[in-house]
């Protein structure tokens, strides 16, 4: 009888040791994924800001181009002689 008790106790201890060796698997770290809507929203806002800056730069460049055109026209008007030279007038 003692043998049967010791045998049951021994196999119980061995079973407990075997099961405790397995243990629980370590918890995998939870990766918090950012909210896709929030990420898309920030991307959209960034792109809108870039678009506004680009449009502002285009307006500035167009303004500069118009000013340069006016300057060019003014220079061309000043280059034209006020009167024709005497060598080009018909002689009588």
PDB file of N, CA and C in Angstrom:
ATOM      1  N   UNK A   1       0.810  -1.171   0.000  1.00  0.00           N
ATOM      2  CA  UNK A   1       0.000   0.000   0.000  1.00  0.00           C
ATOM      3  C   UNK A   1       0.869   1.256   0.000  1.00  0.00           C
ATOM      4  N   UNK A   2       1.906   1.237   0.819  1.00  0.00           N
ATOM      5  CA  UNK A   2       2.803   2.386   0.814  1.00  0.00           C
ATOM      6  C   UNK A   2       3.452   2.575  -0.550  1.00  0.00           C
ATOM      7  N   UNK A   3       3.728   1.450  -1.183  1.00  0.00           N
ATOM      8  CA  UNK A   3       4.335   1.532  -2.503  1.00  0.00           C
ATOM      9  C   UNK A   3       3.384   2.187  -3.490  1.00  0.00           C
ATOM     10  N   UNK A   4       2.148   1.859  -3.396  1.00  0.00           N
ATOM     11  CA  UNK A   4       1.164   2.420  -4.302  1.00  0.00           C
ATOM     12  C   UNK A   4       1.019   3.917  -4.047  1.00  0.00           C
ATOM     13  N   UNK A   5       1.034   4.332  -2.794  1.00  0.00           N
ATOM     14  CA  UNK A   5       0.915   5.757  -2.441  1.00  0.00           C
ATOM     15  C   UNK A   5       2.153   6.500  -2.932  1.00  0.00           C
ATOM     16  N   UNK A   6       3.327   5.912  -2.634  1.00  0.00           N
ATOM     17  CA  UNK A   6       4.560   6.566  -3.066  1.00  0.00           C
ATOM     18  C   UNK A   6       4.651   6.598  -4.598  1.00  0.00           C
ATOM     19  N   UNK A   7       4.182   5.601  -5.231  1.00  0.00           N
ATOM     20  CA  UNK A   7       4.197   5.560  -6.695  1.00  0.00           C
ATOM     21  C   UNK A   7       3.288   6.636  -7.286  1.00  0.00           C
ATOM     22  N   UNK A   8       2.091   6.756  -6.700  1.00  0.00           N
ATOM     23  CA  UNK A   8       1.155   7.790  -7.171  1.00  0.00           C
ATOM     24  C   UNK A   8       1.713   9.173  -6.892  1.00  0.00           C
ATOM     25  N   UNK A   9       2.293   9.323  -5.692  1.00  0.00           N
ATOM     26  CA  UNK A   9       2.865  10.615  -5.317  1.00  0.00           C
ATOM     27  C   UNK A   9       4.043  10.949  -6.230  1.00  0.00           C
ATOM     28  N   UNK A  10       4.890   9.987  -6.500  1.00  0.00           N
ATOM     29  CA  UNK A  10       6.055  10.202  -7.375  1.00  0.00           C
ATOM     30  C   UNK A  10       5.635  10.567  -8.786  1.00  0.00           C
ATOM     31  N   UNK A  11       4.653   9.810  -9.321  1.00  0.00           N
ATOM     32  CA  UNK A  11       4.222  10.149 -10.675  1.00  0.00           C
ATOM     33  C   UNK A  11       3.525  11.494 -10.703  1.00  0.00           C
ATOM     34  N   UNK A  12       2.839  11.875  -9.639  1.00  0.00           N
ATOM     35  CA  UNK A  12       2.204  13.197  -9.577  1.00  0.00           C
ATOM     36  C   UNK A  12       3.250  14.299  -9.565  1.00  0.00           C
ATOM     37  N   UNK A  13       4.326  14.065  -8.793  1.00  0.00           N
ATOM     38  CA  UNK A  13       5.404  15.060  -8.723  1.00  0.00           C
ATOM     39  C   UNK A  13       6.088  15.181 -10.084  1.00  0.00           C
ATOM     40  N   UNK A  14       6.355  14.056 -10.719  1.00  0.00           N
ATOM     41  CA  UNK A  14       6.991  14.085 -12.038  1.00  0.00           C
ATOM     42  C   UNK A  14       6.099  14.790 -13.065  1.00  0.00           C
ATOM     43  N   UNK A  15       4.811  14.511 -12.990  1.00  0.00           N
ATOM     44  CA  UNK A  15       3.881  15.169 -13.897  1.00  0.00           C
ATOM     45  C   UNK A  15       3.856  16.675 -13.647  1.00  0.00           C
ATOM     46  N   UNK A  16       3.879  17.079 -12.374  1.00  0.00           N
ATOM     47  CA  UNK A  16       3.883  18.502 -12.028  1.00  0.00           C
ATOM     48  C   UNK A  16       5.154  19.173 -12.528  1.00  0.00           C
ATOM     49  N   UNK A  17       6.289  18.493 -12.374  1.00  0.00           N
ATOM     50  CA  UNK A  17       7.563  19.057 -12.842  1.00  0.00           C
ATOM     51  C   UNK A  17       7.542  19.202 -14.364  1.00  0.00           C
ATOM     52  N   UNK A  18       7.042  18.178 -15.033  1.00  0.00           N
ATOM     53  CA  UNK A  18       6.999  18.221 -16.494  1.00  0.00           C
ATOM     54  C   UNK A  18       6.101  19.353 -16.981  1.00  0.00           C
ATOM     55  N   UNK A  19       4.961  19.495 -16.342  1.00  0.00           N
ATOM     56  CA  UNK A  19       4.047  20.559 -16.760  1.00  0.00           C
ATOM     57  C   UNK A  19       4.588  21.942 -16.423  1.00  0.00           C
ATOM     58  N   UNK A  20       5.271  22.064 -15.298  1.00  0.00           N
ATOM     59  CA  UNK A  20       5.805  23.376 -14.931  1.00  0.00           C
ATOM     60  C   UNK A  20       6.958  23.765 -15.850  1.00  0.00           C
ATOM     61  N   UNK A  21       7.658  22.760 -16.377  1.00  0.00           N
ATOM     62  CA  UNK A  21       8.750  23.057 -17.300  1.00  0.00           C
ATOM     63  C   UNK A  21       8.202  23.655 -18.591  1.00  0.00           C
ATOM     64  N   UNK A  22       7.025  23.200 -18.977  1.00  0.00           N
ATOM     65  CA  UNK A  22       6.424  23.763 -20.192  1.00  0.00           C
ATOM     66  C   UNK A  22       6.101  25.230 -19.969  1.00  0.00           C
ATOM     67  N   UNK A  23       5.567  25.515 -18.815  1.00  0.00           N
ATOM     68  CA  UNK A  23       5.242  26.901 -18.483  1.00  0.00           C
ATOM     69  C   UNK A  23       4.303  27.515 -19.497  1.00  0.00           C
ATOM     70  N   UNK A  24       4.157  28.777 -19.383  1.00  0.00           N
ATOM     71  CA  UNK A  24       3.328  29.489 -20.348  1.00  0.00           C
ATOM     72  C   UNK A  24       4.248  30.221 -21.307  1.00  0.00           C
ATOM     73  N   UNK A  25       3.815  30.338 -22.502  1.00  0.00           N
ATOM     74  CA  UNK A  25       4.610  31.053 -23.499  1.00  0.00           C
ATOM     75  C   UNK A  25       4.647  32.524 -23.119  1.00  0.00           C
ATOM     76  N   UNK A  26       5.805  33.130 -23.287  1.00  0.00           N
ATOM     77  CA  UNK A  26       5.880  34.555 -22.953  1.00  0.00           C
ATOM     78  C   UNK A  26       4.918  35.344 -23.839  1.00  0.00           C
ATOM     79  N   UNK A  27       4.349  36.330 -23.238  1.00  0.00           N
ATOM     80  CA  UNK A  27       3.380  37.149 -23.969  1.00  0.00           C
ATOM     81  C   UNK A  27       4.088  37.883 -25.096  1.00  0.00           C
ATOM     82  N   UNK A  28       3.497  37.820 -26.243  1.00  0.00           N
ATOM     83  CA  UNK A  28       4.077  38.555 -27.369  1.00  0.00           C
ATOM     84  C   UNK A  28       3.758  40.029 -27.191  1.00  0.00           C
ATOM     85  N   UNK A  29       4.724  40.863 -27.489  1.00  0.00           N
ATOM     86  CA  UNK A  29       4.467  42.291 -27.311  1.00  0.00           C
ATOM     87  C   UNK A  29       3.369  42.751 -28.267  1.00  0.00           C
ATOM     88  N   UNK A  30       2.495  43.545 -27.726  1.00  0.00           N
ATOM     89  CA  UNK A  30       1.389  44.067 -28.524  1.00  0.00           C
ATOM     90  C   UNK A  30       1.889  45.298 -29.258  1.00  0.00           C
ATOM     91  N   UNK A  31       1.804  45.236 -30.543  1.00  0.00           N
ATOM     92  CA  UNK A  31       2.216  46.372 -31.354  1.00  0.00           C
ATOM     93  C   UNK A  31       0.981  47.218 -31.599  1.00  0.00           C
ATOM     94  N   UNK A  32       1.036  48.416 -31.091  1.00  0.00           N
ATOM     95  CA  UNK A  32      -0.094  49.324 -31.278  1.00  0.00           C
ATOM     96  C   UNK A  32       0.053  49.962 -32.646  1.00  0.00           C
ATOM     97  N   UNK A  33      -0.805  49.575 -33.534  1.00  0.00           N
ATOM     98  CA  UNK A  33      -0.785  50.170 -34.862  1.00  0.00           C
ATOM     99  C   UNK A  33      -1.534  51.490 -34.793  1.00  0.00           C
ATOM    100  N   UNK A  34      -0.945  52.460 -35.440  1.00  0.00           N
ATOM    101  CA  UNK A  34      -1.610  53.751 -35.429  1.00  0.00           C
ATOM    102  C   UNK A  34      -2.904  53.647 -36.224  1.00  0.00           C
ATOM    103  N   UNK A  35      -3.798  54.479 -35.851  1.00  0.00           N
ATOM    104  CA  UNK A  35      -5.105  54.501 -36.503  1.00  0.00           C
ATOM    105  C   UNK A  35      -4.911  54.889 -37.966  1.00  0.00           C
ATOM    106  N   UNK A  36      -5.313  54.033 -38.900  1.00  0.00           N
ATOM    107  CA  UNK A  36      -5.078  54.353 -40.313  1.00  0.00           C
ATOM    108  C   UNK A  36      -5.775  55.627 -40.754  1.00  0.00           C
ATOM    109  N   UNK A  37      -6.906  55.911 -40.168  1.00  0.00           N
ATOM    110  CA  UNK A  37      -7.626  57.136 -40.544  1.00  0.00           C
ATOM    111  C   UNK A  37      -6.827  58.354 -40.102  1.00  0.00           C
ATOM    112  N   UNK A  38      -6.255  58.293 -38.899  1.00  0.00           N
ATOM    113  CA  UNK A  38      -5.461  59.417 -38.404  1.00  0.00           C
ATOM    114  C   UNK A  38      -4.200  59.587 -39.241  1.00  0.00           C
ATOM    115  N   UNK A  39      -3.570  58.485 -39.614  1.00  0.00           N
ATOM    116  CA  UNK A  39      -2.361  58.559 -40.436  1.00  0.00           C
ATOM    117  C   UNK A  39      -2.689  59.156 -41.801  1.00  0.00           C
ATOM    118  N   UNK A  40      -3.784  58.711 -42.405  1.00  0.00           N
ATOM    119  CA  UNK A  40      -4.183  59.256 -43.703  1.00  0.00           C
ATOM    120  C   UNK A  40      -4.534  60.734 -43.579  1.00  0.00           C
ATOM    121  N   UNK A  41      -5.157  61.092 -42.470  1.00  0.00           N
ATOM    122  CA  UNK A  41      -5.544  62.481 -42.261  1.00  0.00           C
ATOM    123  C   UNK A  41      -4.307  63.374 -42.197  1.00  0.00           C
ATOM    124  N   UNK A  42      -3.273  62.921 -41.488  1.00  0.00           N
ATOM    125  CA  UNK A  42      -2.061  63.732 -41.389  1.00  0.00           C
ATOM    126  C   UNK A  42      -1.360  63.816 -42.739  1.00  0.00           C
ATOM    127  N   UNK A  43      -1.409  62.744 -43.515  1.00  0.00           N
ATOM    128  CA  UNK A  43      -0.808  62.764 -44.854  1.00  0.00           C
ATOM    129  C   UNK A  43      -1.568  63.747 -45.738  1.00  0.00           C
ATOM    130  N   UNK A  44      -2.890  63.716 -45.667  1.00  0.00           N
ATOM    131  CA  UNK A  44      -3.711  64.627 -46.472  1.00  0.00           C
ATOM    132  C   UNK A  44      -3.423  66.072 -46.078  1.00  0.00           C
ATOM    133  N   UNK A  45      -3.331  66.330 -44.784  1.00  0.00           N
ATOM    134  CA  UNK A  45      -3.044  67.691 -44.330  1.00  0.00           C
ATOM    135  C   UNK A  45      -1.680  68.151 -44.821  1.00  0.00           C
ATOM    136  N   UNK A  46      -0.704  67.264 -44.769  1.00  0.00           N
ATOM    137  CA  UNK A  46       0.637  67.603 -45.241  1.00  0.00           C
ATOM    138  C   UNK A  46       0.626  67.913 -46.734  1.00  0.00           C
ATOM    139  N   UNK A  47      -0.077  67.097 -47.497  1.00  0.00           N
ATOM    140  CA  UNK A  47      -0.153  67.331 -48.942  1.00  0.00           C
ATOM    141  C   UNK A  47      -0.892  68.630 -49.258  1.00  0.00           C
ATOM    142  N   UNK A  48      -1.946  68.926 -48.497  1.00  0.00           N
ATOM    143  CA  UNK A  48      -2.676  70.177 -48.712  1.00  0.00           C
ATOM    144  C   UNK A  48      -1.783  71.378 -48.415  1.00  0.00           C
ATOM    145  N   UNK A  49      -0.968  71.266 -47.373  1.00  0.00           N
ATOM    146  CA  UNK A  49      -0.054  72.354 -47.031  1.00  0.00           C
ATOM    147  C   UNK A  49       0.967  72.551 -48.148  1.00  0.00           C
ATOM    148  N   UNK A  50       1.515  71.449 -48.662  1.00  0.00           N
ATOM    149  CA  UNK A  50       2.469  71.547 -49.768  1.00  0.00           C
ATOM    150  C   UNK A  50       1.815  72.177 -50.992  1.00  0.00           C
ATOM    151  N   UNK A  51       0.567  71.822 -51.250  1.00  0.00           N
ATOM    152  CA  UNK A  51      -0.155  72.375 -52.394  1.00  0.00           C
ATOM    153  C   UNK A  51      -0.357  73.880 -52.237  1.00  0.00           C
ATOM    154  N   UNK A  52      -0.752  74.314 -51.029  1.00  0.00           N
ATOM    155  CA  UNK A  52      -0.929  75.753 -50.784  1.00  0.00           C
ATOM    156  C   UNK A  52       0.388  76.499 -50.979  1.00  0.00           C
ATOM    157  N   UNK A  53       1.491  75.930 -50.455  1.00  0.00           N
ATOM    158  CA  UNK A  53       2.792  76.581 -50.602  1.00  0.00           C
ATOM    159  C   UNK A  53       3.204  76.650 -52.071  1.00  0.00           C
ATOM    160  N   UNK A  54       2.934  75.591 -52.815  1.00  0.00           N
ATOM    161  CA  UNK A  54       3.278  75.560 -54.242  1.00  0.00           C
ATOM    162  C   UNK A  54       2.460  76.598 -55.006  1.00  0.00           C
ATOM    163  N   UNK A  55       1.165  76.705 -54.704  1.00  0.00           N
ATOM    164  CA  UNK A  55       0.318  77.696 -55.378  1.00  0.00           C
ATOM    165  C   UNK A  55       0.773  79.117 -55.054  1.00  0.00           C
ATOM    166  N   UNK A  56       1.183  79.327 -53.804  1.00  0.00           N
ATOM    167  CA  UNK A  56       1.676  80.642 -53.410  1.00  0.00           C
ATOM    168  C   UNK A  56       2.951  80.974 -54.185  1.00  0.00           C
ATOM    169  N   UNK A  57       3.831  80.000 -54.320  1.00  0.00           N
ATOM    170  CA  UNK A  57       5.084  80.209 -55.063  1.00  0.00           C
ATOM    171  C   UNK A  57       4.798  80.488 -56.544  1.00  0.00           C
ATOM    172  N   UNK A  58       3.832  79.788 -57.106  1.00  0.00           N
ATOM    173  CA  UNK A  58       3.455  80.024 -58.507  1.00  0.00           C
ATOM    174  C   UNK A  58       2.933  81.443 -58.679  1.00  0.00           C
ATOM    175  N   UNK A  59       2.110  81.911 -57.741  1.00  0.00           N
ATOM    176  CA  UNK A  59       1.599  83.285 -57.807  1.00  0.00           C
ATOM    177  C   UNK A  59       2.747  84.296 -57.755  1.00  0.00           C
ATOM    178  N   UNK A  60       3.723  84.039 -56.868  1.00  0.00           N
ATOM    179  CA  UNK A  60       4.872  84.942 -56.761  1.00  0.00           C
ATOM    180  C   UNK A  60       5.657  84.973 -58.074  1.00  0.00           C
ATOM    181  N   UNK A  61       5.884  83.804 -58.658  1.00  0.00           N
ATOM    182  CA  UNK A  61       6.643  83.734 -59.908  1.00  0.00           C
ATOM    183  C   UNK A  61       5.889  84.393 -61.062  1.00  0.00           C
ATOM    184  N   UNK A  62       4.571  84.224 -61.106  1.00  0.00           N
ATOM    185  CA  UNK A  62       3.777  84.882 -62.151  1.00  0.00           C
ATOM    186  C   UNK A  62       3.853  86.397 -62.005  1.00  0.00           C
ATOM    187  N   UNK A  63       3.816  86.866 -60.776  1.00  0.00           N
ATOM    188  CA  UNK A  63       3.920  88.303 -60.535  1.00  0.00           C
ATOM    189  C   UNK A  63       5.279  88.824 -61.002  1.00  0.00           C
ATOM    190  N   UNK A  64       6.335  88.093 -60.669  1.00  0.00           N
ATOM    191  CA  UNK A  64       7.676  88.495 -61.104  1.00  0.00           C
ATOM    192  C   UNK A  64       7.786  88.479 -62.627  1.00  0.00           C
ATOM    193  N   UNK A  65       7.188  87.480 -63.264  1.00  0.00           N
ATOM    194  CA  UNK A  65       7.221  87.388 -64.725  1.00  0.00           C
ATOM    195  C   UNK A  65       6.516  88.585 -65.356  1.00  0.00           C
ATOM    196  N   UNK A  66       5.368  88.961 -64.815  1.00  0.00           N
ATOM    197  CA  UNK A  66       4.639  90.119 -65.348  1.00  0.00           C
ATOM    198  C   UNK A  66       5.453  91.397 -65.199  1.00  0.00           C
ATOM    199  N   UNK A  67       6.122  91.543 -64.075  1.00  0.00           N
ATOM    200  CA  UNK A  67       6.959  92.727 -63.858  1.00  0.00           C
ATOM    201  C   UNK A  67       8.111  92.745 -64.860  1.00  0.00           C
ATOM    202  N   UNK A  68       8.733  91.585 -65.077  1.00  0.00           N
ATOM    203  CA  UNK A  68       9.832  91.512 -66.044  1.00  0.00           C
ATOM    204  C   UNK A  68       9.353  91.814 -67.464  1.00  0.00           C
ATOM    205  N   UNK A  69       8.151  91.384 -67.815  1.00  0.00           N
ATOM    206  CA  UNK A  69       7.594  91.695 -69.135  1.00  0.00           C
ATOM    207  C   UNK A  69       7.397  93.197 -69.294  1.00  0.00           C
ATOM    208  N   UNK A  70       6.900  93.842 -68.232  1.00  0.00           N
ATOM    209  CA  UNK A  70       6.701  95.293 -68.293  1.00  0.00           C
ATOM    210  C   UNK A  70       8.036  96.009 -68.450  1.00  0.00           C
ATOM    211  N   UNK A  71       9.046  95.549 -67.728  1.00  0.00           N
ATOM    212  CA  UNK A  71      10.375  96.160 -67.834  1.00  0.00           C
ATOM    213  C   UNK A  71      10.919  95.980 -69.247  1.00  0.00           C
ATOM    214  N   UNK A  72      10.746  94.787 -69.812  1.00  0.00           N
ATOM    215  CA  UNK A  72      11.225  94.511 -71.169  1.00  0.00           C
ATOM    216  C   UNK A  72      10.534  95.419 -72.185  1.00  0.00           C
ATOM    217  N   UNK A  73       9.229  95.606 -72.049  1.00  0.00           N
ATOM    218  CA  UNK A  73       8.497  96.492 -72.959  1.00  0.00           C
ATOM    219  C   UNK A  73       9.003  97.925 -72.836  1.00  0.00           C
ATOM    220  N   UNK A  74       9.260  98.347 -71.610  1.00  0.00           N
ATOM    221  CA  UNK A  74       9.755  99.700 -71.374  1.00  0.00           C
ATOM    222  C   UNK A  74      11.127  99.886 -72.025  1.00  0.00           C
ATOM    223  N   UNK A  75      11.980  98.888 -71.906  1.00  0.00           N
ATOM    224  CA  UNK A  75      13.316  98.976 -72.512  1.00  0.00           C
ATOM    225  C   UNK A  75      13.197  99.041 -74.027  1.00  0.00           C
ATOM    226  N   UNK A  76      12.303  98.256 -74.614  1.00  0.00           N
ATOM    227  CA  UNK A  76      12.130  98.283 -76.072  1.00  0.00           C
ATOM    228  C   UNK A  76      11.609  99.630 -76.548  1.00  0.00           C
ATOM    229  N   UNK A  77      10.718 100.235 -75.800  1.00  0.00           N
ATOM    230  CA  UNK A  77      10.190 101.554 -76.172  1.00  0.00           C
ATOM    231  C   UNK A  77      11.305 102.583 -76.115  1.00  0.00           C
ATOM    232  N   UNK A  78      12.161 102.500 -75.133  1.00  0.00           N
ATOM    233  CA  UNK A  78      13.245 103.479 -74.999  1.00  0.00           C
ATOM    234  C   UNK A  78      14.314 103.295 -76.078  1.00  0.00           C
ATOM    235  N   UNK A  79      14.456 102.103 -76.600  1.00  0.00           N
ATOM    236  CA  UNK A  79      15.461 101.856 -77.640  1.00  0.00           C
ATOM    237  C   UNK A  79      15.051 102.469 -78.981  1.00  0.00           C
ATOM    238  N   UNK A  80      13.774 102.563 -79.233  1.00  0.00           N
ATOM    239  CA  UNK A  80      13.316 103.108 -80.513  1.00  0.00           C
ATOM    240  C   UNK A  80      13.742 104.576 -80.597  1.00  0.00           C
ATOM    241  N   UNK A  81      14.326 104.931 -81.729  1.00  0.00           N
ATOM    242  CA  UNK A  81      14.749 106.337 -81.849  1.00  0.00           C
ATOM    243  C   UNK A  81      13.531 107.254 -81.923  1.00  0.00           C
ATOM    244  N   UNK A  82      13.676 108.399 -81.324  1.00  0.00           N
ATOM    245  CA  UNK A  82      12.583 109.362 -81.300  1.00  0.00           C
ATOM    246  C   UNK A  82      12.342 109.932 -82.691  1.00  0.00           C
ATOM    247  N   UNK A  83      13.389 110.071 -83.478  1.00  0.00           N
ATOM    248  CA  UNK A  83      13.253 110.559 -84.851  1.00  0.00           C
ATOM    249  C   UNK A  83      14.173 109.738 -85.739  1.00  0.00           C
ATOM    250  N   UNK A  84      13.888 109.766 -86.994  1.00  0.00           N
ATOM    251  CA  UNK A  84      14.721 109.005 -87.919  1.00  0.00           C
ATOM    252  C   UNK A  84      16.031 109.750 -88.148  1.00  0.00           C
ATOM    253  N   UNK A  85      17.092 109.028 -88.318  1.00  0.00           N
ATOM    254  CA  UNK A  85      18.369 109.715 -88.563  1.00  0.00           C
ATOM    255  C   UNK A  85      18.360 110.432 -89.922  1.00  0.00           C
ATOM    256  N   UNK A  86      19.190 111.408 -90.061  1.00  0.00           N
ATOM    257  CA  UNK A  86      19.240 112.227 -91.282  1.00  0.00           C
ATOM    258  C   UNK A  86      19.695 111.408 -92.477  1.00  0.00           C
ATOM    259  N   UNK A  87      20.455 110.401 -92.261  1.00  0.00           N
ATOM    260  CA  UNK A  87      20.952 109.603 -93.387  1.00  0.00           C
ATOM    261  C   UNK A  87      19.843 108.798 -94.033  1.00  0.00           C
ATOM    262  N   UNK A  88      18.770 108.533 -93.312  1.00  0.00           N
ATOM    263  CA  UNK A  88      17.684 107.746 -93.856  1.00  0.00           C
ATOM    264  C   UNK A  88      16.593 108.598 -94.496  1.00  0.00           C
ATOM    265  N   UNK A  89      16.658 109.893 -94.337  1.00  0.00           N
ATOM    266  CA  UNK A  89      15.629 110.755 -94.927  1.00  0.00           C
ATOM    267  C   UNK A  89      15.902 110.918 -96.423  1.00  0.00           C
ATOM    268  N   UNK A  90      14.868 110.948 -97.217  1.00  0.00           N
ATOM    269  CA  UNK A  90      15.092 111.098 -98.658  1.00  0.00           C
ATOM    270  C   UNK A  90      15.668 112.476 -98.986  1.00  0.00           C
ATOM    271  N   UNK A  91      16.624 112.463 -99.834  1.00  0.00           N
ATOM    272  CA  UNK A  91      17.230 113.743-100.220  1.00  0.00           C
ATOM    273  C   UNK A  91      16.538 114.283-101.467  1.00  0.00           C
ATOM    274  N   UNK A  92      16.454 115.572-101.515  1.00  0.00           N
ATOM    275  CA  UNK A  92      15.791 116.197-102.653  1.00  0.00           C
ATOM    276  C   UNK A  92      16.765 116.711-103.635  1.00  0.00           C
TER     277      UNK A  92
END
